[in-house]
Amino acid sequence: MRTPLVFDGHNDLLTRLLQAGGPSAVPTFAKSGHGAIDAESARKGGFGGGFFAIWVPSPVDVNAKMAAMQGESYDMPLPEMVARGEADAVVAREMAILGELEAQGFVIVCRTVADLREAFGSDRLAAICHIEGAEALSPDLSELDDLYAQGLRSLGPVWSRETIFGHGVPFRFPSTGDIGPGLTEAGLRLVKRCDELGIMLDLSHLNEAGFWDVARTSSRPLVATHSGAHAVSPHARNLTDKQLDAIAESDGMVGLNFACAFLRPDGKMRSDVGMDVMLRHLDHLLGRLGEDRVGLGSDYDGALVPQALSTVADLPVLRQAMVDHGFGEALVAKICHENWFRVLEKSWA
């Protein structure tokens, strides 16, 4: 199945292109073979677009991290806080990459749901500008309005490592996200200003105390763009039933993360993950959130994903698995993109 088109809650394509050379690497997006997302694979797999994350990398020993996440339990230390000047430079460069993708006709940078629908009716991908980790913002939020003018429509206050706004969850298994204090005063101001502007807040990497601070402070739907069900995989990055119930009450939603360690009940970073495990997560999320509040949030180009879904060209495998599992045509369409459009209509209003 190549339809309905998939709108995805999270990808790290911009970081991949940054590491491949920046805006000059954008032409490589035309053909497959460079990563999980490209124009050729998108057409093959029925990938319509998603949240394109701007993320500031931290130095990390990838081989050591992968080895540690093969254990029965693990607790990966988080990187140090990133300096604002360093973050600002990376954000500007990844913004430029997104702009070049649009200039070369690969994407439409979407600021409204009408833009999303226009892109879905075209030969270009729908791209939402998302910042994962607010390190480039100062405490007075003076940069936020300018970023909004440039197209920013979604923001995660943290990417796991600490920021001046709050604290994220470590890559820890087994664990909940209840690992420390909540939002700072600057973090609470950030929530309120995002609500005022119509910037959707992403709670995926935020710790549990921060999650509840957002729930108490924000008037918008609670959204986690790329997370899983803690009841299926007790990883710190996944959401407890209590959190899922709060998301449902706010009329928000969750995009299911494809990262293997967050899918597997044993928490291991191994790619031999069957569609049955993903369907267990979807069943649980649907049971707590309802059919209108569940979508996909792959983490493509930023995580180890199941072998059967290694690129967006493989998305027909997941669609067919949902159909074979008994999900009807209407539900599959909701999970693939309609629920994202619904919640963004409310978040951006």
C-alpha atoms as a PDB file:
ATOM      1  CA  MET A   1       0.000   0.000   0.000  1.00  0.00           C
ATOM      2  CA  ARG A   2       1.452   3.378  -1.083  1.00  0.00           C
ATOM      3  CA  THR A   3      -1.550   5.383   0.096  1.00  0.00           C
ATOM      4  CA  PRO A   4      -2.730   7.149   2.146  1.00  0.00           C
ATOM      5  CA  LEU A   5       0.301   9.430   2.217  1.00  0.00           C
ATOM      6  CA  VAL A   6       2.266   9.462   5.473  1.00  0.00           C
ATOM      7  CA  PHE A   7       2.835  12.709   7.334  1.00  0.00           C
ATOM      8  CA  ASP A   8       5.523  11.997   9.891  1.00  0.00           C
ATOM      9  CA  GLY A   9       6.020  13.530  13.331  1.00  0.00           C
ATOM     10  CA  HIS A  10       9.821  13.681  13.289  1.00  0.00           C
ATOM     11  CA  ASN A  11      12.877  13.327  11.082  1.00  0.00           C
ATOM     12  CA  ASP A  12      16.526  14.407  11.318  1.00  0.00           C
ATOM     13  CA  LEU A  13      17.183  14.962   7.629  1.00  0.00           C
ATOM     14  CA  LEU A  14      18.468  18.508   8.197  1.00  0.00           C
ATOM     15  CA  THR A  15      21.134  17.267  10.603  1.00  0.00           C
ATOM     16  CA  ARG A  16      22.169  14.572   8.121  1.00  0.00           C
ATOM     17  CA  LEU A  17      22.528  17.174   5.364  1.00  0.00           C
ATOM     18  CA  LEU A  18      24.397  19.490   7.749  1.00  0.00           C
ATOM     19  CA  GLN A  19      26.917  16.752   8.427  1.00  0.00           C
ATOM     20  CA  ALA A  20      27.133  15.993   4.680  1.00  0.00           C
ATOM     21  CA  GLY A  21      28.154  19.557   3.826  1.00  0.00           C
ATOM     22  CA  GLY A  22      25.199  21.858   4.511  1.00  0.00           C
ATOM     23  CA  PRO A  23      23.185  23.569   1.745  1.00  0.00           C
ATOM     24  CA  SER A  24      25.625  22.292  -0.875  1.00  0.00           C
ATOM     25  CA  ALA A  25      24.507  18.730  -0.033  1.00  0.00           C
ATOM     26  CA  VAL A  26      20.843  19.417  -0.880  1.00  0.00           C
ATOM     27  CA  PRO A  27      21.091  18.086  -4.485  1.00  0.00           C
ATOM     28  CA  THR A  28      21.812  14.618  -3.043  1.00  0.00           C
ATOM     29  CA  PHE A  29      18.222  14.612  -1.767  1.00  0.00           C
ATOM     30  CA  ALA A  30      16.994  13.862  -5.298  1.00  0.00           C
ATOM     31  CA  LYS A  31      18.202  10.261  -5.313  1.00  0.00           C
ATOM     32  CA  SER A  32      18.218   7.385  -2.820  1.00  0.00           C
ATOM     33  CA  GLY A  33      21.299   5.913  -1.215  1.00  0.00           C
ATOM     34  CA  HIS A  34      22.280   8.682   1.177  1.00  0.00           C
ATOM     35  CA  GLY A  35      19.894   8.212   4.107  1.00  0.00           C
ATOM     36  CA  ALA A  36      16.386   7.269   5.142  1.00  0.00           C
ATOM     37  CA  ILE A  37      14.582  10.154   3.400  1.00  0.00           C
ATOM     38  CA  ASP A  38      15.005  11.388  -0.161  1.00  0.00           C
ATOM     39  CA  ALA A  39      12.716  12.462  -2.982  1.00  0.00           C
ATOM     40  CA  GLU A  40      12.946   9.171  -4.890  1.00  0.00           C
ATOM     41  CA  SER A  41      12.189   7.026  -1.826  1.00  0.00           C
ATOM     42  CA  ALA A  42       9.360   9.359  -0.788  1.00  0.00           C
ATOM     43  CA  ARG A  43       7.606   8.826  -4.106  1.00  0.00           C
ATOM     44  CA  LYS A  44       8.113   5.070  -3.886  1.00  0.00           C
ATOM     45  CA  GLY A  45       6.822   4.775  -0.318  1.00  0.00           C
ATOM     46  CA  GLY A  46       4.041   7.357  -0.297  1.00  0.00           C
ATOM     47  CA  PHE A  47       5.790   9.733   2.103  1.00  0.00           C
ATOM     48  CA  GLY A  48       4.086  13.122   2.038  1.00  0.00           C
ATOM     49  CA  GLY A  49       6.276  15.029   4.495  1.00  0.00           C
ATOM     50  CA  GLY A  50       6.490  15.800   8.175  1.00  0.00           C
ATOM     51  CA  PHE A  51       8.253  17.724  10.926  1.00  0.00           C
ATOM     52  CA  PHE A  52      11.817  18.531   9.800  1.00  0.00           C
ATOM     53  CA  ALA A  53      13.864  18.905  12.968  1.00  0.00           C
ATOM     54  CA  ILE A  54      16.602  21.454  13.547  1.00  0.00           C
ATOM     55  CA  TRP A  55      18.898  19.886  16.126  1.00  0.00           C
ATOM     56  CA  VAL A  56      22.291  20.813  17.568  1.00  0.00           C
ATOM     57  CA  PRO A  57      24.512  17.715  17.773  1.00  0.00           C
ATOM     58  CA  SER A  58      26.667  16.955  20.806  1.00  0.00           C
ATOM     59  CA  PRO A  59      29.924  14.984  20.670  1.00  0.00           C
ATOM     60  CA  VAL A  60      29.121  11.342  21.346  1.00  0.00           C
ATOM     61  CA  ASP A  61      30.851   7.987  20.929  1.00  0.00           C
ATOM     62  CA  VAL A  62      28.186   6.305  18.803  1.00  0.00           C
ATOM     63  CA  ASN A  63      29.782   2.851  18.973  1.00  0.00           C
ATOM     64  CA  ALA A  64      29.984   2.970  22.775  1.00  0.00           C
ATOM     65  CA  LYS A  65      26.383   4.174  22.992  1.00  0.00           C
ATOM     66  CA  MET A  66      25.121   1.395  20.730  1.00  0.00           C
ATOM     67  CA  ALA A  67      27.087  -1.217  22.676  1.00  0.00           C
ATOM     68  CA  ALA A  68      25.737   0.002  26.017  1.00  0.00           C
ATOM     69  CA  MET A  69      22.164  -0.146  24.714  1.00  0.00           C
ATOM     70  CA  GLN A  70      22.499  -3.884  24.087  1.00  0.00           C
ATOM     71  CA  GLY A  71      22.453  -4.570  27.817  1.00  0.00           C
ATOM     72  CA  GLU A  72      19.614  -5.734  30.035  1.00  0.00           C
ATOM     73  CA  SER A  73      19.629  -2.234  31.541  1.00  0.00           C
ATOM     74  CA  TYR A  74      21.529   0.986  30.862  1.00  0.00           C
ATOM     75  CA  ASP A  75      21.729   4.633  31.833  1.00  0.00           C
ATOM     76  CA  MET A  76      23.486   6.783  29.245  1.00  0.00           C
ATOM     77  CA  PRO A  77      24.990  10.025  30.574  1.00  0.00           C
ATOM     78  CA  LEU A  78      23.568  13.121  28.917  1.00  0.00           C
ATOM     79  CA  PRO A  79      25.814  15.620  27.110  1.00  0.00           C
ATOM     80  CA  GLU A  80      26.555  19.000  28.645  1.00  0.00           C
ATOM     81  CA  MET A  81      24.329  21.988  27.998  1.00  0.00           C
ATOM     82  CA  VAL A  82      25.061  23.656  24.648  1.00  0.00           C
ATOM     83  CA  ALA A  83      26.132  27.310  24.613  1.00  0.00           C
ATOM     84  CA  ARG A  84      23.626  29.657  22.987  1.00  0.00           C
ATOM     85  CA  GLY A  85      26.117  31.061  20.458  1.00  0.00           C
ATOM     86  CA  GLU A  86      27.037  27.590  19.261  1.00  0.00           C
ATOM     87  CA  ALA A  87      23.387  26.605  18.996  1.00  0.00           C
ATOM     88  CA  ASP A  88      22.451  29.805  17.171  1.00  0.00           C
ATOM     89  CA  ALA A  89      25.000  29.100  14.432  1.00  0.00           C
ATOM     90  CA  VAL A  90      23.726  25.541  13.906  1.00  0.00           C
ATOM     91  CA  VAL A  91      20.084  26.640  13.847  1.00  0.00           C
ATOM     92  CA  ALA A  92      20.866  29.276  11.209  1.00  0.00           C
ATOM     93  CA  ARG A  93      22.691  26.735   9.066  1.00  0.00           C
ATOM     94  CA  GLU A  94      19.933  24.129   9.276  1.00  0.00           C
ATOM     95  CA  MET A  95      17.336  26.823   8.540  1.00  0.00           C
ATOM     96  CA  ALA A  96      19.361  27.583   5.416  1.00  0.00           C
ATOM     97  CA  ILE A  97      19.311  23.893   4.428  1.00  0.00           C
ATOM     98  CA  LEU A  98      15.523  23.794   4.779  1.00  0.00           C
ATOM     99  CA  GLY A  99      15.287  26.956   2.691  1.00  0.00           C
ATOM    100  CA  GLU A 100      17.488  25.404   0.011  1.00  0.00           C
ATOM    101  CA  LEU A 101      15.306  22.269  -0.063  1.00  0.00           C
ATOM    102  CA  GLU A 102      12.368  24.578  -0.774  1.00  0.00           C
ATOM    103  CA  ALA A 103      14.281  26.661  -3.333  1.00  0.00           C
ATOM    104  CA  GLN A 104      15.221  23.524  -5.261  1.00  0.00           C
ATOM    105  CA  GLY A 105      11.607  22.372  -5.378  1.00  0.00           C
ATOM    106  CA  PHE A 106      11.801  19.424  -2.980  1.00  0.00           C
ATOM    107  CA  VAL A 107       9.570  20.743  -0.162  1.00  0.00           C
ATOM    108  CA  ILE A 108       7.007  23.382   0.731  1.00  0.00           C
ATOM    109  CA  VAL A 109       7.718  24.910   4.156  1.00  0.00           C
ATOM    110  CA  CYS A 110       4.242  24.898   5.704  1.00  0.00           C
ATOM    111  CA  ARG A 111       2.947  27.543   8.095  1.00  0.00           C
ATOM    112  CA  THR A 112      -0.741  26.580   8.017  1.00  0.00           C
ATOM    113  CA  VAL A 113      -2.788  23.432   7.549  1.00  0.00           C
ATOM    114  CA  ALA A 114      -3.886  24.881   4.201  1.00  0.00           C
ATOM    115  CA  ASP A 115      -0.202  24.820   3.218  1.00  0.00           C
ATOM    116  CA  LEU A 116      -0.002  21.165   4.274  1.00  0.00           C
ATOM    117  CA  ARG A 117      -2.973  20.248   2.124  1.00  0.00           C
ATOM    118  CA  GLU A 118      -1.529  22.183  -0.819  1.00  0.00           C
ATOM    119  CA  ALA A 119       1.743  20.289  -0.509  1.00  0.00           C
ATOM    120  CA  PHE A 120      -0.083  16.959  -0.307  1.00  0.00           C
ATOM    121  CA  GLY A 121      -1.729  17.793  -3.638  1.00  0.00           C
ATOM    122  CA  SER A 122       1.615  18.587  -5.260  1.00  0.00           C
ATOM    123  CA  ASP A 123       4.820  16.782  -6.167  1.00  0.00           C
ATOM    124  CA  ARG A 124       6.675  18.344  -3.215  1.00  0.00           C
ATOM    125  CA  LEU A 125       6.930  17.266   0.412  1.00  0.00           C
ATOM    126  CA  ALA A 126       5.158  19.142   3.195  1.00  0.00           C
ATOM    127  CA  ALA A 127       7.769  20.366   5.678  1.00  0.00           C
ATOM    128  CA  ILE A 128       7.107  21.837   9.119  1.00  0.00           C
ATOM    129  CA  CYS A 129      10.062  23.693  10.610  1.00  0.00           C
ATOM    130  CA  HIS A 130      10.660  22.224  14.065  1.00  0.00           C
ATOM    131  CA  ILE A 131      13.412  23.010  16.569  1.00  0.00           C
ATOM    132  CA  GLU A 132      14.377  20.114  18.854  1.00  0.00           C
ATOM    133  CA  GLY A 133      15.974  21.713  21.913  1.00  0.00           C
ATOM    134  CA  ALA A 134      15.651  25.458  22.538  1.00  0.00           C
ATOM    135  CA  GLU A 135      19.354  26.148  23.127  1.00  0.00           C
ATOM    136  CA  ALA A 136      19.350  28.992  20.575  1.00  0.00           C
ATOM    137  CA  LEU A 137      16.837  31.015  22.621  1.00  0.00           C
ATOM    138  CA  SER A 138      17.852  33.470  25.330  1.00  0.00           C
ATOM    139  CA  PRO A 139      15.874  33.732  28.596  1.00  0.00           C
ATOM    140  CA  ASP A 140      13.917  36.761  27.333  1.00  0.00           C
ATOM    141  CA  LEU A 141      12.850  34.775  24.222  1.00  0.00           C
ATOM    142  CA  SER A 142      13.845  37.699  22.009  1.00  0.00           C
ATOM    143  CA  GLU A 143      14.735  35.368  19.111  1.00  0.00           C
ATOM    144  CA  LEU A 144      11.426  33.500  19.084  1.00  0.00           C
ATOM    145  CA  ASP A 145       9.367  35.993  17.083  1.00  0.00           C
ATOM    146  CA  ASP A 146      12.027  36.154  14.377  1.00  0.00           C
ATOM    147  CA  LEU A 147      12.176  32.368  14.149  1.00  0.00           C
ATOM    148  CA  TYR A 148       8.387  32.304  13.865  1.00  0.00           C
ATOM    149  CA  ALA A 149       8.597  34.792  10.997  1.00  0.00           C
ATOM    150  CA  GLN A 150      11.114  32.484   9.305  1.00  0.00           C
ATOM    151  CA  GLY A 151       8.619  29.619   9.479  1.00  0.00           C
ATOM    152  CA  LEU A 152       9.104  27.956  12.880  1.00  0.00           C
ATOM    153  CA  ARG A 153       5.858  26.220  13.854  1.00  0.00           C
ATOM    154  CA  SER A 154       6.945  23.514  16.328  1.00  0.00           C
ATOM    155  CA  LEU A 155       9.395  23.553  19.232  1.00  0.00           C
ATOM    156  CA  GLY A 156      10.705  21.082  21.794  1.00  0.00           C
ATOM    157  CA  PRO A 157      12.060  22.898  24.876  1.00  0.00           C
ATOM    158  CA  VAL A 158      14.723  20.200  25.267  1.00  0.00           C
ATOM    159  CA  TRP A 159      16.401  17.391  23.439  1.00  0.00           C
ATOM    160  CA  SER A 160      17.097  15.228  26.506  1.00  0.00           C
ATOM    161  CA  ARG A 161      20.134  17.308  27.590  1.00  0.00           C
ATOM    162  CA  GLU A 162      19.442  20.214  29.927  1.00  0.00           C
ATOM    163  CA  THR A 163      18.576  23.698  28.636  1.00  0.00           C
ATOM    164  CA  ILE A 164      17.834  26.942  30.471  1.00  0.00           C
ATOM    165  CA  PHE A 165      14.163  26.036  30.030  1.00  0.00           C
ATOM    166  CA  GLY A 166      14.003  22.539  31.499  1.00  0.00           C
ATOM    167  CA  HIS A 167      15.303  18.997  31.708  1.00  0.00           C
ATOM    168  CA  GLY A 168      15.040  16.048  29.380  1.00  0.00           C
ATOM    169  CA  VAL A 169      14.925  12.318  29.916  1.00  0.00           C
ATOM    170  CA  PRO A 170      18.135  10.280  29.683  1.00  0.00           C
ATOM    171  CA  PHE A 171      18.452   7.214  27.491  1.00  0.00           C
ATOM    172  CA  ARG A 172      17.728   4.939  30.434  1.00  0.00           C
ATOM    173  CA  PHE A 173      16.122   1.494  30.601  1.00  0.00           C
ATOM    174  CA  PRO A 174      14.131   0.506  32.492  1.00  0.00           C
ATOM    175  CA  SER A 175      12.923   3.857  33.782  1.00  0.00           C
ATOM    176  CA  THR A 176      10.139   6.381  33.724  1.00  0.00           C
ATOM    177  CA  GLY A 177      10.661  10.018  32.844  1.00  0.00           C
ATOM    178  CA  ASP A 178      10.320  11.009  36.501  1.00  0.00           C
ATOM    179  CA  ILE A 179      13.987  11.895  36.872  1.00  0.00           C
ATOM    180  CA  GLY A 180      14.235  15.466  38.154  1.00  0.00           C
ATOM    181  CA  PRO A 181      12.817  18.991  38.374  1.00  0.00           C
ATOM    182  CA  GLY A 182      10.405  20.558  35.926  1.00  0.00           C
ATOM    183  CA  LEU A 183      10.464  23.715  33.838  1.00  0.00           C
ATOM    184  CA  THR A 184      12.376  26.779  34.942  1.00  0.00           C
ATOM    185  CA  GLU A 185      10.746  30.216  35.091  1.00  0.00           C
ATOM    186  CA  ALA A 186      12.115  30.832  31.602  1.00  0.00           C
ATOM    187  CA  GLY A 187      10.568  27.537  30.531  1.00  0.00           C
ATOM    188  CA  LEU A 188       7.140  28.581  31.768  1.00  0.00           C
ATOM    189  CA  ARG A 189       7.487  31.860  29.858  1.00  0.00           C
ATOM    190  CA  LEU A 190       8.432  29.871  26.757  1.00  0.00           C
ATOM    191  CA  VAL A 191       5.268  27.773  27.016  1.00  0.00           C
ATOM    192  CA  LYS A 192       3.069  30.836  27.311  1.00  0.00           C
ATOM    193  CA  ARG A 193       4.749  32.647  24.407  1.00  0.00           C
ATOM    194  CA  CYS A 194       4.495  29.602  22.141  1.00  0.00           C
ATOM    195  CA  ASP A 195       0.786  29.435  22.959  1.00  0.00           C
ATOM    196  CA  GLU A 196       0.405  33.100  22.029  1.00  0.00           C
ATOM    197  CA  LEU A 197       2.221  32.742  18.715  1.00  0.00           C
ATOM    198  CA  GLY A 198       0.707  29.411  17.742  1.00  0.00           C
ATOM    199  CA  ILE A 199       3.928  27.389  17.920  1.00  0.00           C
ATOM    200  CA  MET A 200       3.167  23.768  18.776  1.00  0.00           C
ATOM    201  CA  LEU A 201       5.095  22.460  21.795  1.00  0.00           C
ATOM    202  CA  ASP A 202       6.625  19.001  21.451  1.00  0.00           C
ATOM    203  CA  LEU A 203       6.912  17.063  24.727  1.00  0.00           C
ATOM    204  CA  SER A 204       8.766  14.009  23.407  1.00  0.00           C
ATOM    205  CA  HIS A 205      12.117  14.498  25.184  1.00  0.00           C
ATOM    206  CA  LEU A 206      10.840  16.432  28.203  1.00  0.00           C
ATOM    207  CA  ASN A 207      11.029  14.814  31.620  1.00  0.00           C
ATOM    208  CA  GLU A 208       7.854  13.973  33.507  1.00  0.00           C
ATOM    209  CA  ALA A 209       7.883  17.001  35.814  1.00  0.00           C
ATOM    210  CA  GLY A 210       8.308  19.255  32.791  1.00  0.00           C
ATOM    211  CA  PHE A 211       5.471  17.450  31.022  1.00  0.00           C
ATOM    212  CA  TRP A 212       3.124  18.217  33.897  1.00  0.00           C
ATOM    213  CA  ASP A 213       4.293  21.838  33.997  1.00  0.00           C
ATOM    214  CA  VAL A 214       3.330  22.200  30.334  1.00  0.00           C
ATOM    215  CA  ALA A 215       0.006  20.473  31.001  1.00  0.00           C
ATOM    216  CA  ARG A 216      -0.773  22.997  33.759  1.00  0.00           C
ATOM    217  CA  THR A 217       0.452  26.039  31.824  1.00  0.00           C
ATOM    218  CA  SER A 218      -0.516  25.539  28.184  1.00  0.00           C
ATOM    219  CA  SER A 219      -3.984  26.058  26.751  1.00  0.00           C
ATOM    220  CA  ARG A 220      -3.104  24.065  23.634  1.00  0.00           C
ATOM    221  CA  PRO A 221      -3.305  20.306  22.937  1.00  0.00           C
ATOM    222  CA  LEU A 222      -0.491  18.263  24.477  1.00  0.00           C
ATOM    223  CA  VAL A 223       1.582  16.662  21.715  1.00  0.00           C
ATOM    224  CA  ALA A 224       4.502  14.226  21.683  1.00  0.00           C
ATOM    225  CA  THR A 225       5.721  13.997  18.105  1.00  0.00           C
ATOM    226  CA  HIS A 226       7.904  10.888  18.450  1.00  0.00           C
ATOM    227  CA  SER A 227       7.345   8.722  21.523  1.00  0.00           C
ATOM    228  CA  GLY A 228       6.037   5.287  22.420  1.00  0.00           C
ATOM    229  CA  ALA A 229       3.969   3.508  25.054  1.00  0.00           C
ATOM    230  CA  HIS A 230       5.784   2.909  28.350  1.00  0.00           C
ATOM    231  CA  ALA A 231       3.386   0.043  29.070  1.00  0.00           C
ATOM    232  CA  VAL A 232       4.891  -1.843  26.094  1.00  0.00           C
ATOM    233  CA  SER A 233       8.515  -0.709  26.429  1.00  0.00           C
ATOM    234  CA  PRO A 234       9.464   0.717  29.857  1.00  0.00           C
ATOM    235  CA  HIS A 235      12.008   3.176  28.471  1.00  0.00           C
ATOM    236  CA  ALA A 236      12.469   6.657  29.934  1.00  0.00           C
ATOM    237  CA  ARG A 237      11.672   8.117  26.489  1.00  0.00           C
ATOM    238  CA  ASN A 238       8.201   6.579  26.443  1.00  0.00           C
ATOM    239  CA  LEU A 239       4.956   7.906  27.895  1.00  0.00           C
ATOM    240  CA  THR A 240       3.162   6.421  30.907  1.00  0.00           C
ATOM    241  CA  ASP A 241      -0.556   5.751  30.869  1.00  0.00           C
ATOM    242  CA  LYS A 242      -1.102   8.742  33.142  1.00  0.00           C
ATOM    243  CA  GLN A 243       0.641  10.976  30.600  1.00  0.00           C
ATOM    244  CA  LEU A 244      -1.322   9.430  27.731  1.00  0.00           C
ATOM    245  CA  ASP A 245      -4.571  10.088  29.578  1.00  0.00           C
ATOM    246  CA  ALA A 246      -3.609  13.753  30.011  1.00  0.00           C
ATOM    247  CA  ILE A 247      -2.830  14.002  26.299  1.00  0.00           C
ATOM    248  CA  ALA A 248      -6.226  12.516  25.497  1.00  0.00           C
ATOM    249  CA  GLU A 249      -7.968  14.933  27.846  1.00  0.00           C
ATOM    250  CA  SER A 250      -6.274  17.877  26.095  1.00  0.00           C
ATOM    251  CA  ASP A 251      -7.305  16.511  22.666  1.00  0.00           C
ATOM    252  CA  GLY A 252      -3.636  16.211  21.682  1.00  0.00           C
ATOM    253  CA  MET A 253      -1.803  13.285  20.116  1.00  0.00           C
ATOM    254  CA  VAL A 254       1.273  11.062  19.964  1.00  0.00           C
ATOM    255  CA  GLY A 255       3.359  10.076  16.946  1.00  0.00           C
ATOM    256  CA  LEU A 256       4.793   6.578  17.351  1.00  0.00           C
ATOM    257  CA  ASN A 257       8.594   6.603  17.340  1.00  0.00           C
ATOM    258  CA  PHE A 258      10.256   3.930  15.175  1.00  0.00           C
ATOM    259  CA  ALA A 259      13.518   3.872  17.203  1.00  0.00           C
ATOM    260  CA  CYS A 260      14.125   0.238  18.069  1.00  0.00           C
ATOM    261  CA  ALA A 261      15.137   0.764  21.715  1.00  0.00           C
ATOM    262  CA  PHE A 262      11.849   2.578  22.407  1.00  0.00           C
ATOM    263  CA  LEU A 263       9.799  -0.083  20.612  1.00  0.00           C
ATOM    264  CA  ARG A 264      11.313  -3.250  22.027  1.00  0.00           C
ATOM    265  CA  PRO A 265      10.014  -4.526  25.385  1.00  0.00           C
ATOM    266  CA  ASP A 266      13.634  -5.348  26.304  1.00  0.00           C
ATOM    267  CA  GLY A 267      14.827  -1.809  25.468  1.00  0.00           C
ATOM    268  CA  LYS A 268      17.706  -3.027  23.316  1.00  0.00           C
ATOM    269  CA  MET A 269      18.979  -1.035  20.343  1.00  0.00           C
ATOM    270  CA  ARG A 270      18.632  -3.873  17.847  1.00  0.00           C
ATOM    271  CA  SER A 271      16.886  -3.639  14.503  1.00  0.00           C
ATOM    272  CA  ASP A 272      15.257  -7.092  14.460  1.00  0.00           C
ATOM    273  CA  VAL A 273      11.891  -5.621  15.405  1.00  0.00           C
ATOM    274  CA  GLY A 274       8.754  -7.071  13.847  1.00  0.00           C
ATOM    275  CA  MET A 275       5.633  -5.188  12.850  1.00  0.00           C
ATOM    276  CA  ASP A 276       3.855  -7.010  15.666  1.00  0.00           C
ATOM    277  CA  VAL A 277       5.788  -4.937  18.219  1.00  0.00           C
ATOM    278  CA  MET A 278       4.850  -1.681  16.490  1.00  0.00           C
ATOM    279  CA  LEU A 279       1.233  -2.802  16.381  1.00  0.00           C
ATOM    280  CA  ARG A 280       1.314  -3.478  20.129  1.00  0.00           C
ATOM    281  CA  HIS A 281       2.330   0.144  20.653  1.00  0.00           C
ATOM    282  CA  LEU A 282      -0.342   1.392  18.259  1.00  0.00           C
ATOM    283  CA  ASP A 283      -3.007  -0.746  19.946  1.00  0.00           C
ATOM    284  CA  HIS A 284      -2.042   0.617  23.351  1.00  0.00           C
ATOM    285  CA  LEU A 285      -1.915   4.222  22.174  1.00  0.00           C
ATOM    286  CA  LEU A 286      -5.284   3.874  20.450  1.00  0.00           C
ATOM    287  CA  GLY A 287      -6.762   2.322  23.591  1.00  0.00           C
ATOM    288  CA  ARG A 288      -5.668   5.282  25.770  1.00  0.00           C
ATOM    289  CA  LEU A 289      -5.920   8.135  23.268  1.00  0.00           C
ATOM    290  CA  GLY A 290      -8.673   7.145  20.848  1.00  0.00           C
ATOM    291  CA  GLU A 291      -8.580   6.903  17.068  1.00  0.00           C
ATOM    292  CA  ASP A 292      -8.217  10.657  16.483  1.00  0.00           C
ATOM    293  CA  ARG A 293      -5.032  11.139  18.516  1.00  0.00           C
ATOM    294  CA  VAL A 294      -2.455   8.654  17.202  1.00  0.00           C
ATOM    295  CA  GLY A 295      -0.006   9.126  14.344  1.00  0.00           C
ATOM    296  CA  LEU A 296       3.527   8.243  13.274  1.00  0.00           C
ATOM    297  CA  GLY A 297       6.781   9.916  14.376  1.00  0.00           C
ATOM    298  CA  SER A 298       9.541   7.874  12.797  1.00  0.00           C
ATOM    299  CA  ASP A 299      12.807   9.581  13.869  1.00  0.00           C
ATOM    300  CA  TYR A 300      14.165   8.702  10.404  1.00  0.00           C
ATOM    301  CA  ASP A 301      17.778   9.768   9.827  1.00  0.00           C
ATOM    302  CA  GLY A 302      18.172  10.084  13.591  1.00  0.00           C
ATOM    303  CA  ALA A 303      17.702   6.583  15.000  1.00  0.00           C
ATOM    304  CA  LEU A 304      18.142   2.883  14.354  1.00  0.00           C
ATOM    305  CA  VAL A 305      14.750   1.744  13.025  1.00  0.00           C
ATOM    306  CA  PRO A 306      13.335  -1.728  12.258  1.00  0.00           C
ATOM    307  CA  GLN A 307      15.016  -3.506   9.350  1.00  0.00           C
ATOM    308  CA  ALA A 308      11.728  -3.749   7.477  1.00  0.00           C
ATOM    309  CA  LEU A 309      11.267   0.044   7.641  1.00  0.00           C
ATOM    310  CA  SER A 310      14.821   1.195   6.944  1.00  0.00           C
ATOM    311  CA  THR A 311      13.773   4.084   4.649  1.00  0.00           C
ATOM    312  CA  VAL A 312      10.570   5.896   3.710  1.00  0.00           C
ATOM    313  CA  ALA A 313      10.405   3.654   0.630  1.00  0.00           C
ATOM    314  CA  ASP A 314       9.458   0.845   3.042  1.00  0.00           C
ATOM    315  CA  LEU A 315       6.392   2.568   4.511  1.00  0.00           C
ATOM    316  CA  PRO A 316       4.018   0.316   2.496  1.00  0.00           C
ATOM    317  CA  VAL A 317       5.116  -2.499   4.827  1.00  0.00           C
ATOM    318  CA  LEU A 318       3.693  -0.658   7.832  1.00  0.00           C
ATOM    319  CA  ARG A 319       0.499   0.349   6.049  1.00  0.00           C
ATOM    320  CA  GLN A 320      -0.117  -3.250   5.012  1.00  0.00           C
ATOM    321  CA  ALA A 321       0.627  -4.480   8.539  1.00  0.00           C
ATOM    322  CA  MET A 322      -2.019  -2.113   9.912  1.00  0.00           C
ATOM    323  CA  VAL A 323      -4.570  -3.363   7.375  1.00  0.00           C
ATOM    324  CA  ASP A 324      -3.734  -7.007   8.079  1.00  0.00           C
ATOM    325  CA  HIS A 325      -4.072  -6.273  11.806  1.00  0.00           C
ATOM    326  CA  GLY A 326      -7.660  -5.188  11.236  1.00  0.00           C
ATOM    327  CA  PHE A 327      -7.342  -1.420  11.100  1.00  0.00           C
ATOM    328  CA  GLY A 328      -9.958  -0.160   8.679  1.00  0.00           C
ATOM    329  CA  GLU A 329      -9.347   2.226   5.802  1.00  0.00           C
ATOM    330  CA  ALA A 330     -10.521   5.258   7.759  1.00  0.00           C
ATOM    331  CA  LEU A 331      -8.293   4.492  10.767  1.00  0.00           C
ATOM    332  CA  VAL A 332      -5.227   3.914   8.600  1.00  0.00           C
ATOM    333  CA  ALA A 333      -5.786   7.298   6.945  1.00  0.00           C
ATOM    334  CA  LYS A 334      -6.086   8.958  10.355  1.00  0.00           C
ATOM    335  CA  ILE A 335      -2.850   7.394  11.605  1.00  0.00           C
ATOM    336  CA  CYS A 336      -0.989   8.171   8.381  1.00  0.00           C
ATOM    337  CA  HIS A 337      -1.774  11.900   8.273  1.00  0.00           C
ATOM    338  CA  GLU A 338      -5.294  13.044   9.097  1.00  0.00           C
ATOM    339  CA  ASN A 339      -4.756  13.153  12.858  1.00  0.00           C
ATOM    340  CA  TRP A 340      -1.667  15.346  12.436  1.00  0.00           C
ATOM    341  CA  PHE A 341      -3.634  17.806  10.325  1.00  0.00           C
ATOM    342  CA  ARG A 342      -6.417  17.840  12.931  1.00  0.00           C
ATOM    343  CA  VAL A 343      -4.178  18.568  15.906  1.00  0.00           C
ATOM    344  CA  LEU A 344      -2.139  21.181  14.013  1.00  0.00           C
ATOM    345  CA  GLU A 345      -5.344  23.015  13.149  1.00  0.00           C
ATOM    346  CA  LYS A 346      -5.958  23.371  16.882  1.00  0.00           C
ATOM    347  CA  SER A 347      -2.344  24.011  17.838  1.00  0.00           C
ATOM    348  CA  TRP A 348      -1.797  26.779  15.307  1.00  0.00           C
ATOM    349  CA  ALA A 349      -5.181  28.475  15.618  1.00  0.00           C
END
